[in-house]
Amino acid sequence: MKKGKSIPRLQYISQGLTETDQLTGIQRVLDAGIKWVQVRWKEADLAELKNLLEIVKPLCQSYNAYLCINDQVALAKEFEADALHLGLNDSPIIQARAILGSDTLIGGTANTFQDVKQRIEEKVDYIGLGPLRFTSTKKSLSPILGYQGYEEIFENLRLHELSCPPIFAIGGVEWEDTDILQHLGLYGFAASKLFLKEPIPSELIL
C-alpha cells in the first residue's frame, strides 16, 4: 500500500510472548476485519522477529491490510512494510524517513502537547497519543492522559493554529470510549487486548 490511501481507524498492536501467541492474535483480528496490524514483539530477538515477519507479511497482504513494524527501521526496510511506528526514545523520525523514503507511513508516539508539536515538526504521518488510562501491555507507561488530557492537547492545537496528521488514542482504550474520543478530535485508536477479548463492532471497521 502507498500513502494517499485512507488510513484505517483501528490499529491492532500485536501481543504475545511466543510466535504462536503473536500469530494467533494477528490471524484473529484479520479474520475480524482489522486492516492495520502493528507487529510489536519486544521480547523477541532479531531472528525470531524476522521469522514472524516472514509469515505476517504475506498474511497481511492476503487480507489487504497494512503491515506496520514497531521500532525496527531496518526490518521495515527489508520487509517493505507499509508503516513504521517509533516511540519517543526510538530512532529519530528524520533518520527513518531517509532510510524508508516517502512512500512508507511513519508514525510516532506522543504523551504531551510538546510531544505532539515535535511530531508535527517531524512530519510524521500519524501520531499515537496516550495513554488514555492504565494498561499492562506496556511496561514503561507514560503519565495517564484521560479524557481531560486529550481535550487540553486538542485545545492547545487550536490555540496555536496547528494542523496535525491523524491522531490515534492508545493505552487502555475500551469500546465505550469511541464516541467521546471521536468528539474530542481523535481519528481512531490502537489497542491490543481489546481486539481479542470482545467482538469488534462492524461499524468501526473502516
N, C-alpha and C. Protein backbone atom coordinates (compact mmCIF):
# COMPACT_ATOMS: atom_id res chain seq x y z
N MET A 1 0.84 -1.20 0.00
CA MET A 1 0.00 0.00 0.00
C MET A 1 0.87 1.25 0.00
N LYS A 2 0.41 2.27 -0.66
CA LYS A 2 1.15 3.52 -0.71
C LYS A 2 0.38 4.62 0.01
N LYS A 3 1.13 5.63 0.42
CA LYS A 3 0.48 6.76 1.06
C LYS A 3 -0.48 7.43 0.09
N GLY A 4 -1.52 8.00 0.67
CA GLY A 4 -2.54 8.62 -0.16
C GLY A 4 -3.87 7.90 0.02
N LYS A 5 -3.79 6.60 0.36
CA LYS A 5 -4.99 5.87 0.67
C LYS A 5 -5.45 6.23 2.07
N SER A 6 -6.73 6.05 2.31
CA SER A 6 -7.28 6.35 3.63
C SER A 6 -6.67 5.43 4.68
N ILE A 7 -6.22 6.01 5.78
CA ILE A 7 -5.63 5.21 6.86
C ILE A 7 -6.75 4.58 7.68
N PRO A 8 -6.70 3.28 7.93
CA PRO A 8 -7.72 2.65 8.78
C PRO A 8 -7.76 3.29 10.16
N ARG A 9 -8.95 3.31 10.76
CA ARG A 9 -9.13 3.97 12.06
C ARG A 9 -8.78 3.08 13.25
N LEU A 10 -8.69 1.78 13.01
CA LEU A 10 -8.35 0.84 14.08
C LEU A 10 -7.02 0.18 13.78
N GLN A 11 -6.12 0.19 14.76
CA GLN A 11 -4.82 -0.44 14.60
C GLN A 11 -4.63 -1.48 15.70
N TYR A 12 -4.36 -2.70 15.29
CA TYR A 12 -4.06 -3.75 16.27
C TYR A 12 -2.57 -3.77 16.54
N ILE A 13 -2.20 -3.70 17.82
CA ILE A 13 -0.81 -3.82 18.22
C ILE A 13 -0.62 -5.24 18.75
N SER A 14 0.23 -6.00 18.05
CA SER A 14 0.32 -7.43 18.37
C SER A 14 0.88 -7.64 19.78
N GLN A 15 0.50 -8.77 20.35
CA GLN A 15 0.97 -9.13 21.68
C GLN A 15 1.20 -10.62 21.74
N GLY A 16 1.92 -11.05 22.75
CA GLY A 16 2.22 -12.46 22.93
C GLY A 16 3.70 -12.68 23.12
N LEU A 17 4.05 -13.61 24.01
CA LEU A 17 5.45 -13.88 24.31
C LEU A 17 6.08 -14.88 23.35
N THR A 18 5.24 -15.60 22.59
CA THR A 18 5.75 -16.59 21.65
C THR A 18 5.25 -16.28 20.24
N GLU A 19 5.91 -16.88 19.25
CA GLU A 19 5.47 -16.70 17.88
C GLU A 19 4.04 -17.19 17.69
N THR A 20 3.72 -18.30 18.32
CA THR A 20 2.36 -18.84 18.22
C THR A 20 1.34 -17.87 18.76
N ASP A 21 1.63 -17.28 19.93
CA ASP A 21 0.71 -16.30 20.52
C ASP A 21 0.55 -15.09 19.61
N GLN A 22 1.66 -14.62 19.07
CA GLN A 22 1.62 -13.47 18.17
C GLN A 22 0.75 -13.78 16.95
N LEU A 23 0.99 -14.90 16.32
CA LEU A 23 0.27 -15.26 15.10
C LEU A 23 -1.21 -15.51 15.36
N THR A 24 -1.51 -16.12 16.51
CA THR A 24 -2.91 -16.39 16.84
C THR A 24 -3.70 -15.09 16.93
N GLY A 25 -3.13 -14.09 17.60
CA GLY A 25 -3.80 -12.80 17.73
C GLY A 25 -3.94 -12.08 16.39
N ILE A 26 -2.88 -12.09 15.61
CA ILE A 26 -2.90 -11.41 14.31
C ILE A 26 -3.93 -12.06 13.38
N GLN A 27 -3.94 -13.39 13.34
CA GLN A 27 -4.91 -14.08 12.50
C GLN A 27 -6.34 -13.76 12.93
N ARG A 28 -6.55 -13.70 14.22
CA ARG A 28 -7.90 -13.44 14.75
C ARG A 28 -8.41 -12.06 14.34
N VAL A 29 -7.57 -11.04 14.48
CA VAL A 29 -8.05 -9.69 14.16
C VAL A 29 -8.20 -9.49 12.66
N LEU A 30 -7.35 -10.13 11.87
CA LEU A 30 -7.51 -10.04 10.42
C LEU A 30 -8.82 -10.70 9.99
N ASP A 31 -9.12 -11.83 10.59
CA ASP A 31 -10.39 -12.50 10.30
C ASP A 31 -11.59 -11.63 10.69
N ALA A 32 -11.38 -10.80 11.73
CA ALA A 32 -12.46 -9.93 12.21
C ALA A 32 -12.62 -8.67 11.36
N GLY A 33 -11.66 -8.42 10.46
CA GLY A 33 -11.78 -7.28 9.57
C GLY A 33 -10.81 -6.14 9.80
N ILE A 34 -9.92 -6.27 10.79
CA ILE A 34 -8.94 -5.22 11.04
C ILE A 34 -8.00 -5.09 9.85
N LYS A 35 -7.72 -3.86 9.44
CA LYS A 35 -6.91 -3.60 8.25
C LYS A 35 -5.56 -2.97 8.56
N TRP A 36 -5.15 -2.99 9.82
CA TRP A 36 -3.86 -2.40 10.19
C TRP A 36 -3.29 -3.20 11.36
N VAL A 37 -2.17 -3.85 11.12
CA VAL A 37 -1.51 -4.65 12.15
C VAL A 37 -0.13 -4.08 12.41
N GLN A 38 0.11 -3.69 13.66
CA GLN A 38 1.45 -3.28 14.07
C GLN A 38 2.10 -4.45 14.80
N VAL A 39 3.19 -4.94 14.23
CA VAL A 39 3.90 -6.05 14.85
C VAL A 39 4.83 -5.49 15.93
N ARG A 40 4.52 -5.86 17.16
CA ARG A 40 5.30 -5.39 18.31
C ARG A 40 5.62 -6.60 19.19
N TRP A 41 6.88 -6.99 19.22
CA TRP A 41 7.30 -8.18 19.98
C TRP A 41 8.64 -7.87 20.62
N LYS A 42 8.58 -7.13 21.71
CA LYS A 42 9.79 -6.62 22.35
C LYS A 42 10.66 -7.73 22.94
N GLU A 43 10.04 -8.86 23.29
CA GLU A 43 10.78 -9.94 23.95
C GLU A 43 11.60 -10.78 22.96
N ALA A 44 11.31 -10.65 21.67
CA ALA A 44 11.96 -11.49 20.66
C ALA A 44 13.34 -10.97 20.28
N ASP A 45 14.21 -11.89 19.89
CA ASP A 45 15.47 -11.44 19.31
C ASP A 45 15.25 -11.19 17.82
N LEU A 46 16.27 -10.71 17.15
CA LEU A 46 16.13 -10.30 15.75
C LEU A 46 15.71 -11.47 14.86
N ALA A 47 16.30 -12.63 15.07
CA ALA A 47 15.97 -13.79 14.24
C ALA A 47 14.51 -14.20 14.43
N GLU A 48 14.03 -14.19 15.66
CA GLU A 48 12.64 -14.56 15.94
C GLU A 48 11.68 -13.57 15.29
N LEU A 49 12.03 -12.29 15.38
CA LEU A 49 11.18 -11.26 14.81
C LEU A 49 11.12 -11.39 13.28
N LYS A 50 12.25 -11.69 12.67
CA LYS A 50 12.29 -11.86 11.22
C LYS A 50 11.46 -13.07 10.80
N ASN A 51 11.55 -14.15 11.56
CA ASN A 51 10.76 -15.34 11.26
C ASN A 51 9.26 -15.02 11.32
N LEU A 52 8.86 -14.24 12.33
CA LEU A 52 7.46 -13.85 12.46
C LEU A 52 7.03 -13.02 11.26
N LEU A 53 7.85 -12.06 10.88
CA LEU A 53 7.50 -11.18 9.77
C LEU A 53 7.43 -11.92 8.44
N GLU A 54 8.22 -12.97 8.29
CA GLU A 54 8.16 -13.78 7.08
C GLU A 54 6.77 -14.38 6.90
N ILE A 55 6.10 -14.63 8.01
CA ILE A 55 4.74 -15.19 7.96
C ILE A 55 3.70 -14.08 7.89
N VAL A 56 3.91 -13.03 8.67
CA VAL A 56 2.89 -11.99 8.80
C VAL A 56 2.77 -11.13 7.55
N LYS A 57 3.87 -10.88 6.86
CA LYS A 57 3.77 -10.01 5.68
C LYS A 57 2.82 -10.58 4.62
N PRO A 58 3.02 -11.81 4.15
CA PRO A 58 2.07 -12.33 3.16
C PRO A 58 0.66 -12.50 3.72
N LEU A 59 0.57 -12.72 5.03
CA LEU A 59 -0.75 -12.84 5.66
C LEU A 59 -1.50 -11.51 5.56
N CYS A 60 -0.82 -10.42 5.89
CA CYS A 60 -1.45 -9.10 5.78
C CYS A 60 -1.80 -8.79 4.33
N GLN A 61 -0.91 -9.14 3.42
CA GLN A 61 -1.18 -8.89 2.00
C GLN A 61 -2.43 -9.63 1.53
N SER A 62 -2.62 -10.85 2.03
CA SER A 62 -3.78 -11.64 1.61
C SER A 62 -5.09 -11.04 2.11
N TYR A 63 -5.01 -10.24 3.20
CA TYR A 63 -6.20 -9.58 3.74
C TYR A 63 -6.27 -8.10 3.32
N ASN A 64 -5.33 -7.68 2.47
CA ASN A 64 -5.25 -6.28 2.04
C ASN A 64 -5.16 -5.35 3.25
N ALA A 65 -4.32 -5.75 4.20
CA ALA A 65 -4.16 -4.99 5.44
C ALA A 65 -2.78 -4.36 5.51
N TYR A 66 -2.68 -3.22 6.19
CA TYR A 66 -1.40 -2.56 6.41
C TYR A 66 -0.55 -3.40 7.35
N LEU A 67 0.74 -3.54 7.02
CA LEU A 67 1.71 -4.11 7.94
C LEU A 67 2.57 -2.98 8.47
N CYS A 68 2.53 -2.80 9.77
CA CYS A 68 3.34 -1.79 10.46
C CYS A 68 4.31 -2.51 11.37
N ILE A 69 5.55 -2.06 11.39
CA ILE A 69 6.56 -2.66 12.26
C ILE A 69 6.95 -1.66 13.34
N ASN A 70 7.00 -2.13 14.56
CA ASN A 70 7.35 -1.28 15.70
C ASN A 70 8.86 -1.18 15.84
N ASP A 71 9.37 0.05 15.83
CA ASP A 71 10.74 0.37 16.23
C ASP A 71 11.83 0.00 15.22
N GLN A 72 11.73 -1.16 14.58
CA GLN A 72 12.84 -1.71 13.80
C GLN A 72 12.89 -1.12 12.38
N VAL A 73 13.66 -0.06 12.22
CA VAL A 73 13.74 0.63 10.93
C VAL A 73 14.30 -0.29 9.84
N ALA A 74 15.36 -1.01 10.16
CA ALA A 74 16.00 -1.87 9.17
C ALA A 74 15.04 -2.97 8.69
N LEU A 75 14.27 -3.52 9.61
CA LEU A 75 13.31 -4.56 9.23
C LEU A 75 12.16 -3.99 8.41
N ALA A 76 11.76 -2.78 8.73
CA ALA A 76 10.72 -2.12 7.93
C ALA A 76 11.20 -1.94 6.49
N LYS A 77 12.48 -1.64 6.33
CA LYS A 77 13.07 -1.51 5.00
C LYS A 77 13.17 -2.88 4.31
N GLU A 78 13.68 -3.86 5.03
CA GLU A 78 13.88 -5.19 4.47
C GLU A 78 12.58 -5.83 4.01
N PHE A 79 11.53 -5.68 4.82
CA PHE A 79 10.25 -6.33 4.52
C PHE A 79 9.29 -5.41 3.75
N GLU A 80 9.78 -4.22 3.40
CA GLU A 80 8.96 -3.26 2.66
C GLU A 80 7.61 -3.08 3.34
N ALA A 81 7.67 -2.81 4.64
CA ALA A 81 6.45 -2.63 5.44
C ALA A 81 5.70 -1.39 4.96
N ASP A 82 4.39 -1.42 5.14
CA ASP A 82 3.58 -0.26 4.79
C ASP A 82 3.81 0.89 5.76
N ALA A 83 4.20 0.55 6.99
CA ALA A 83 4.34 1.59 8.01
C ALA A 83 5.37 1.18 9.06
N LEU A 84 5.86 2.20 9.75
CA LEU A 84 6.79 2.03 10.86
C LEU A 84 6.30 2.89 12.01
N HIS A 85 6.32 2.35 13.23
CA HIS A 85 5.94 3.16 14.39
C HIS A 85 7.14 3.32 15.31
N LEU A 86 7.42 4.56 15.70
CA LEU A 86 8.56 4.87 16.55
C LEU A 86 8.12 5.54 17.85
N GLY A 87 8.65 5.05 18.96
CA GLY A 87 8.43 5.68 20.25
C GLY A 87 9.32 6.91 20.41
N LEU A 88 9.10 7.64 21.48
CA LEU A 88 9.86 8.86 21.71
C LEU A 88 11.34 8.60 21.92
N ASN A 89 11.69 7.39 22.38
CA ASN A 89 13.09 7.06 22.62
C ASN A 89 13.67 6.15 21.55
N ASP A 90 12.93 5.96 20.45
CA ASP A 90 13.41 5.14 19.35
C ASP A 90 14.21 5.99 18.36
N SER A 91 14.49 5.43 17.20
CA SER A 91 15.26 6.14 16.17
C SER A 91 14.58 7.46 15.80
N PRO A 92 15.36 8.48 15.46
CA PRO A 92 14.78 9.76 15.04
C PRO A 92 13.94 9.60 13.78
N ILE A 93 12.85 10.33 13.70
CA ILE A 93 11.96 10.27 12.54
C ILE A 93 12.72 10.62 11.26
N ILE A 94 13.53 11.67 11.32
CA ILE A 94 14.23 12.13 10.12
C ILE A 94 15.17 11.06 9.58
N GLN A 95 15.78 10.30 10.49
CA GLN A 95 16.68 9.22 10.09
C GLN A 95 15.90 8.08 9.44
N ALA A 96 14.77 7.74 10.03
CA ALA A 96 13.92 6.68 9.48
C ALA A 96 13.39 7.07 8.11
N ARG A 97 13.02 8.34 7.95
CA ARG A 97 12.49 8.81 6.67
C ARG A 97 13.56 8.72 5.58
N ALA A 98 14.78 9.04 5.93
CA ALA A 98 15.87 8.97 4.96
C ALA A 98 16.10 7.54 4.49
N ILE A 99 15.88 6.59 5.37
CA ILE A 99 16.08 5.18 5.04
C ILE A 99 14.90 4.60 4.27
N LEU A 100 13.69 4.96 4.69
CA LEU A 100 12.48 4.33 4.15
C LEU A 100 11.87 5.07 2.97
N GLY A 101 12.19 6.33 2.81
CA GLY A 101 11.62 7.09 1.71
C GLY A 101 10.24 7.63 2.03
N SER A 102 9.62 8.24 1.04
CA SER A 102 8.37 8.96 1.27
C SER A 102 7.12 8.10 1.21
N ASP A 103 7.22 6.89 0.65
CA ASP A 103 6.02 6.07 0.50
C ASP A 103 5.61 5.34 1.77
N THR A 104 6.56 5.11 2.67
CA THR A 104 6.26 4.39 3.91
C THR A 104 5.64 5.33 4.94
N LEU A 105 4.53 4.90 5.51
CA LEU A 105 3.93 5.67 6.60
C LEU A 105 4.81 5.58 7.83
N ILE A 106 5.08 6.71 8.46
CA ILE A 106 5.84 6.70 9.71
C ILE A 106 5.02 7.41 10.77
N GLY A 107 4.77 6.68 11.85
CA GLY A 107 4.02 7.24 12.97
C GLY A 107 4.89 7.36 14.20
N GLY A 108 4.50 8.26 15.10
CA GLY A 108 5.28 8.45 16.31
C GLY A 108 4.40 8.57 17.54
N THR A 109 4.92 8.08 18.64
CA THR A 109 4.22 8.17 19.92
C THR A 109 4.34 9.57 20.50
N ALA A 110 3.31 10.01 21.23
CA ALA A 110 3.34 11.28 21.95
C ALA A 110 2.58 11.13 23.26
N ASN A 111 2.97 11.95 24.26
CA ASN A 111 2.30 11.91 25.55
C ASN A 111 1.83 13.30 26.00
N THR A 112 2.46 14.34 25.47
CA THR A 112 2.15 15.70 25.88
C THR A 112 1.93 16.58 24.64
N PHE A 113 1.46 17.80 24.87
CA PHE A 113 1.30 18.73 23.75
C PHE A 113 2.64 19.01 23.08
N GLN A 114 3.70 19.14 23.89
CA GLN A 114 5.02 19.37 23.32
C GLN A 114 5.47 18.21 22.44
N ASP A 115 5.13 16.98 22.87
CA ASP A 115 5.44 15.81 22.05
C ASP A 115 4.70 15.87 20.71
N VAL A 116 3.41 16.24 20.78
CA VAL A 116 2.60 16.34 19.57
C VAL A 116 3.20 17.39 18.63
N LYS A 117 3.57 18.53 19.21
CA LYS A 117 4.19 19.60 18.42
C LYS A 117 5.48 19.11 17.76
N GLN A 118 6.27 18.36 18.51
CA GLN A 118 7.50 17.79 17.96
C GLN A 118 7.19 16.85 16.80
N ARG A 119 6.19 16.00 16.98
CA ARG A 119 5.84 15.04 15.92
C ARG A 119 5.33 15.76 14.67
N ILE A 120 4.60 16.84 14.85
CA ILE A 120 4.15 17.63 13.70
C ILE A 120 5.35 18.20 12.96
N GLU A 121 6.30 18.74 13.71
CA GLU A 121 7.51 19.32 13.11
C GLU A 121 8.34 18.25 12.39
N GLU A 122 8.26 17.02 12.90
CA GLU A 122 9.00 15.92 12.28
C GLU A 122 8.28 15.35 11.06
N LYS A 123 7.06 15.87 10.83
CA LYS A 123 6.27 15.47 9.66
C LYS A 123 5.92 13.98 9.66
N VAL A 124 5.50 13.49 10.82
CA VAL A 124 5.02 12.11 10.87
C VAL A 124 3.68 12.02 10.12
N ASP A 125 3.32 10.80 9.75
CA ASP A 125 2.06 10.58 9.02
C ASP A 125 0.89 10.35 9.95
N TYR A 126 1.17 9.94 11.18
CA TYR A 126 0.13 9.82 12.20
C TYR A 126 0.80 9.85 13.57
N ILE A 127 0.00 10.11 14.60
CA ILE A 127 0.51 10.19 15.97
C ILE A 127 -0.29 9.24 16.85
N GLY A 128 0.41 8.47 17.67
CA GLY A 128 -0.23 7.65 18.69
C GLY A 128 -0.12 8.39 20.01
N LEU A 129 -1.25 8.91 20.50
CA LEU A 129 -1.25 9.78 21.68
C LEU A 129 -1.88 9.07 22.87
N GLY A 130 -1.14 9.00 23.97
CA GLY A 130 -1.69 8.33 25.14
C GLY A 130 -0.65 8.23 26.25
N PRO A 131 -0.96 7.44 27.29
CA PRO A 131 -2.10 6.52 27.35
C PRO A 131 -3.38 7.18 27.87
N LEU A 132 -4.50 6.66 27.38
CA LEU A 132 -5.79 7.12 27.89
C LEU A 132 -5.94 6.76 29.35
N ARG A 133 -5.62 5.51 29.67
CA ARG A 133 -5.67 5.04 31.05
C ARG A 133 -4.62 3.96 31.25
N PHE A 134 -4.56 3.39 32.42
CA PHE A 134 -3.53 2.37 32.71
C PHE A 134 -3.70 1.16 31.80
N THR A 135 -2.58 0.63 31.35
CA THR A 135 -2.58 -0.62 30.60
C THR A 135 -1.35 -1.42 30.99
N SER A 136 -1.53 -2.72 31.10
CA SER A 136 -0.41 -3.59 31.47
C SER A 136 0.40 -4.02 30.26
N THR A 137 -0.07 -3.66 29.05
CA THR A 137 0.61 -4.08 27.83
C THR A 137 1.99 -3.46 27.72
N LYS A 138 2.12 -2.22 28.17
CA LYS A 138 3.40 -1.52 28.07
C LYS A 138 4.04 -1.41 29.44
N LYS A 139 5.32 -1.76 29.52
CA LYS A 139 5.99 -1.82 30.82
C LYS A 139 6.32 -0.43 31.36
N SER A 140 6.89 0.44 30.53
CA SER A 140 7.25 1.80 30.98
C SER A 140 6.17 2.76 30.51
N LEU A 141 5.16 2.93 31.34
CA LEU A 141 3.99 3.71 30.94
C LEU A 141 4.20 5.20 31.21
N SER A 142 3.85 6.02 30.21
CA SER A 142 3.90 7.47 30.39
C SER A 142 2.73 7.93 31.26
N PRO A 143 2.75 9.19 31.74
CA PRO A 143 1.64 9.69 32.56
C PRO A 143 0.29 9.54 31.87
N ILE A 144 -0.71 9.13 32.65
CA ILE A 144 -2.06 8.91 32.14
C ILE A 144 -2.68 10.24 31.69
N LEU A 145 -3.30 10.24 30.50
CA LEU A 145 -3.93 11.46 29.99
C LEU A 145 -5.39 11.58 30.40
N GLY A 146 -6.14 10.49 30.25
CA GLY A 146 -7.58 10.59 30.49
C GLY A 146 -8.24 11.48 29.44
N TYR A 147 -9.55 11.58 29.49
CA TYR A 147 -10.27 12.43 28.53
C TYR A 147 -9.80 13.88 28.62
N GLN A 148 -9.58 14.34 29.86
CA GLN A 148 -9.21 15.75 30.05
C GLN A 148 -7.87 16.06 29.40
N GLY A 149 -6.93 15.12 29.48
CA GLY A 149 -5.63 15.33 28.86
C GLY A 149 -5.74 15.49 27.35
N TYR A 150 -6.56 14.63 26.73
CA TYR A 150 -6.78 14.76 25.29
C TYR A 150 -7.43 16.10 24.96
N GLU A 151 -8.44 16.46 25.74
CA GLU A 151 -9.16 17.72 25.50
C GLU A 151 -8.21 18.91 25.56
N GLU A 152 -7.32 18.93 26.55
CA GLU A 152 -6.38 20.03 26.70
C GLU A 152 -5.39 20.10 25.54
N ILE A 153 -4.94 18.95 25.07
CA ILE A 153 -3.99 18.92 23.95
C ILE A 153 -4.65 19.43 22.67
N PHE A 154 -5.88 19.00 22.40
CA PHE A 154 -6.57 19.48 21.20
C PHE A 154 -6.90 20.97 21.30
N GLU A 155 -7.18 21.42 22.50
CA GLU A 155 -7.43 22.85 22.69
C GLU A 155 -6.15 23.65 22.40
N ASN A 156 -5.01 23.13 22.85
CA ASN A 156 -3.73 23.78 22.56
C ASN A 156 -3.43 23.79 21.07
N LEU A 157 -3.78 22.72 20.38
CA LEU A 157 -3.58 22.68 18.93
C LEU A 157 -4.39 23.78 18.25
N ARG A 158 -5.63 23.97 18.73
CA ARG A 158 -6.48 25.02 18.16
C ARG A 158 -5.92 26.41 18.48
N LEU A 159 -5.49 26.61 19.72
CA LEU A 159 -4.96 27.91 20.13
C LEU A 159 -3.72 28.29 19.34
N HIS A 160 -2.89 27.31 19.04
CA HIS A 160 -1.66 27.57 18.31
C HIS A 160 -1.86 27.43 16.79
N GLU A 161 -3.12 27.18 16.40
CA GLU A 161 -3.49 27.06 14.98
C GLU A 161 -2.59 26.06 14.26
N LEU A 162 -2.40 24.91 14.89
CA LEU A 162 -1.56 23.87 14.33
C LEU A 162 -2.42 22.80 13.67
N SER A 163 -2.13 22.51 12.43
CA SER A 163 -2.78 21.38 11.77
C SER A 163 -1.92 20.15 12.01
N CYS A 164 -2.56 19.03 12.17
CA CYS A 164 -1.79 17.84 12.52
C CYS A 164 -2.29 16.63 11.74
N PRO A 165 -1.46 15.60 11.64
CA PRO A 165 -1.87 14.36 10.98
C PRO A 165 -2.88 13.63 11.86
N PRO A 166 -3.46 12.53 11.39
CA PRO A 166 -4.40 11.77 12.21
C PRO A 166 -3.79 11.39 13.56
N ILE A 167 -4.57 11.58 14.62
CA ILE A 167 -4.11 11.23 15.96
C ILE A 167 -4.93 10.04 16.47
N PHE A 168 -4.22 9.01 16.92
CA PHE A 168 -4.84 7.81 17.45
C PHE A 168 -4.69 7.78 18.97
N ALA A 169 -5.76 7.43 19.65
CA ALA A 169 -5.69 7.19 21.10
C ALA A 169 -5.04 5.84 21.33
N ILE A 170 -4.18 5.76 22.34
CA ILE A 170 -3.54 4.50 22.69
C ILE A 170 -3.56 4.34 24.20
N GLY A 171 -3.52 3.09 24.64
CA GLY A 171 -3.38 2.82 26.07
C GLY A 171 -4.67 2.67 26.83
N GLY A 172 -5.14 1.44 26.97
CA GLY A 172 -6.31 1.17 27.80
C GLY A 172 -7.64 1.61 27.21
N VAL A 173 -7.72 1.74 25.91
CA VAL A 173 -8.97 2.17 25.26
C VAL A 173 -9.99 1.04 25.30
N GLU A 174 -11.25 1.39 25.55
CA GLU A 174 -12.36 0.43 25.53
C GLU A 174 -13.37 0.88 24.48
N TRP A 175 -14.25 -0.05 24.07
CA TRP A 175 -15.22 0.28 23.03
C TRP A 175 -16.11 1.45 23.41
N GLU A 176 -16.46 1.55 24.69
CA GLU A 176 -17.36 2.64 25.11
C GLU A 176 -16.69 4.02 25.03
N ASP A 177 -15.38 4.05 24.82
CA ASP A 177 -14.67 5.33 24.68
C ASP A 177 -14.83 5.93 23.28
N THR A 178 -15.27 5.12 22.33
CA THR A 178 -15.21 5.50 20.91
C THR A 178 -15.86 6.84 20.61
N ASP A 179 -17.11 7.02 21.04
CA ASP A 179 -17.84 8.24 20.70
C ASP A 179 -17.17 9.49 21.27
N ILE A 180 -16.79 9.43 22.53
CA ILE A 180 -16.21 10.63 23.15
C ILE A 180 -14.83 10.92 22.58
N LEU A 181 -14.06 9.90 22.24
CA LEU A 181 -12.74 10.12 21.65
C LEU A 181 -12.88 10.80 20.29
N GLN A 182 -13.83 10.36 19.50
CA GLN A 182 -14.05 11.00 18.20
C GLN A 182 -14.53 12.43 18.39
N HIS A 183 -15.37 12.65 19.38
CA HIS A 183 -15.87 14.01 19.67
C HIS A 183 -14.71 14.93 20.07
N LEU A 184 -13.74 14.39 20.80
CA LEU A 184 -12.60 15.20 21.24
C LEU A 184 -11.65 15.53 20.09
N GLY A 185 -11.71 14.74 19.01
CA GLY A 185 -10.86 15.01 17.86
C GLY A 185 -9.96 13.88 17.43
N LEU A 186 -10.00 12.74 18.16
CA LEU A 186 -9.17 11.60 17.79
C LEU A 186 -9.66 10.99 16.48
N TYR A 187 -8.73 10.60 15.64
CA TYR A 187 -9.05 9.99 14.36
C TYR A 187 -9.46 8.52 14.53
N GLY A 188 -8.75 7.84 15.42
CA GLY A 188 -9.01 6.43 15.66
C GLY A 188 -8.28 5.99 16.91
N PHE A 189 -8.10 4.68 17.06
CA PHE A 189 -7.32 4.23 18.22
C PHE A 189 -6.63 2.91 17.94
N ALA A 190 -5.59 2.66 18.73
CA ALA A 190 -4.82 1.43 18.64
C ALA A 190 -4.96 0.67 19.94
N ALA A 191 -5.03 -0.65 19.83
CA ALA A 191 -5.23 -1.47 21.03
C ALA A 191 -4.67 -2.87 20.79
N SER A 192 -4.50 -3.59 21.88
CA SER A 192 -4.04 -4.98 21.81
C SER A 192 -5.12 -5.93 22.32
N LYS A 193 -5.25 -5.99 23.65
CA LYS A 193 -6.15 -6.95 24.28
C LYS A 193 -7.60 -6.74 23.89
N LEU A 194 -7.99 -5.48 23.70
CA LEU A 194 -9.39 -5.16 23.40
C LEU A 194 -9.88 -5.90 22.18
N PHE A 195 -9.07 -5.95 21.14
CA PHE A 195 -9.49 -6.57 19.88
C PHE A 195 -9.59 -8.09 19.99
N LEU A 196 -9.00 -8.64 21.04
CA LEU A 196 -9.00 -10.09 21.22
C LEU A 196 -10.06 -10.57 22.20
N LYS A 197 -10.42 -9.71 23.15
CA LYS A 197 -11.32 -10.19 24.21
C LYS A 197 -12.80 -10.00 23.88
N GLU A 198 -13.11 -9.11 22.94
CA GLU A 198 -14.50 -8.83 22.61
C GLU A 198 -14.67 -8.71 21.10
N PRO A 199 -15.87 -8.99 20.58
CA PRO A 199 -16.12 -8.80 19.15
C PRO A 199 -15.91 -7.34 18.76
N ILE A 200 -15.40 -7.13 17.56
CA ILE A 200 -15.15 -5.78 17.07
C ILE A 200 -16.41 -5.26 16.38
N PRO A 201 -16.95 -4.14 16.87
CA PRO A 201 -18.16 -3.59 16.23
C PRO A 201 -17.92 -3.33 14.74
N SER A 202 -18.80 -3.87 13.90
CA SER A 202 -18.59 -3.78 12.45
C SER A 202 -18.58 -2.34 11.95
N GLU A 203 -19.31 -1.44 12.64
CA GLU A 203 -19.39 -0.05 12.17
C GLU A 203 -18.06 0.69 12.39
N LEU A 204 -17.17 0.13 13.21
CA LEU A 204 -15.89 0.80 13.46
C LEU A 204 -14.81 0.35 12.49
N ILE A 205 -15.04 -0.71 11.74
CA ILE A 205 -14.05 -1.21 10.81
C ILE A 205 -14.21 -0.47 9.49
N LEU A 206 -13.34 0.51 9.29
CA LEU A 206 -13.39 1.35 8.09
C LEU A 206 -12.10 1.22 7.29
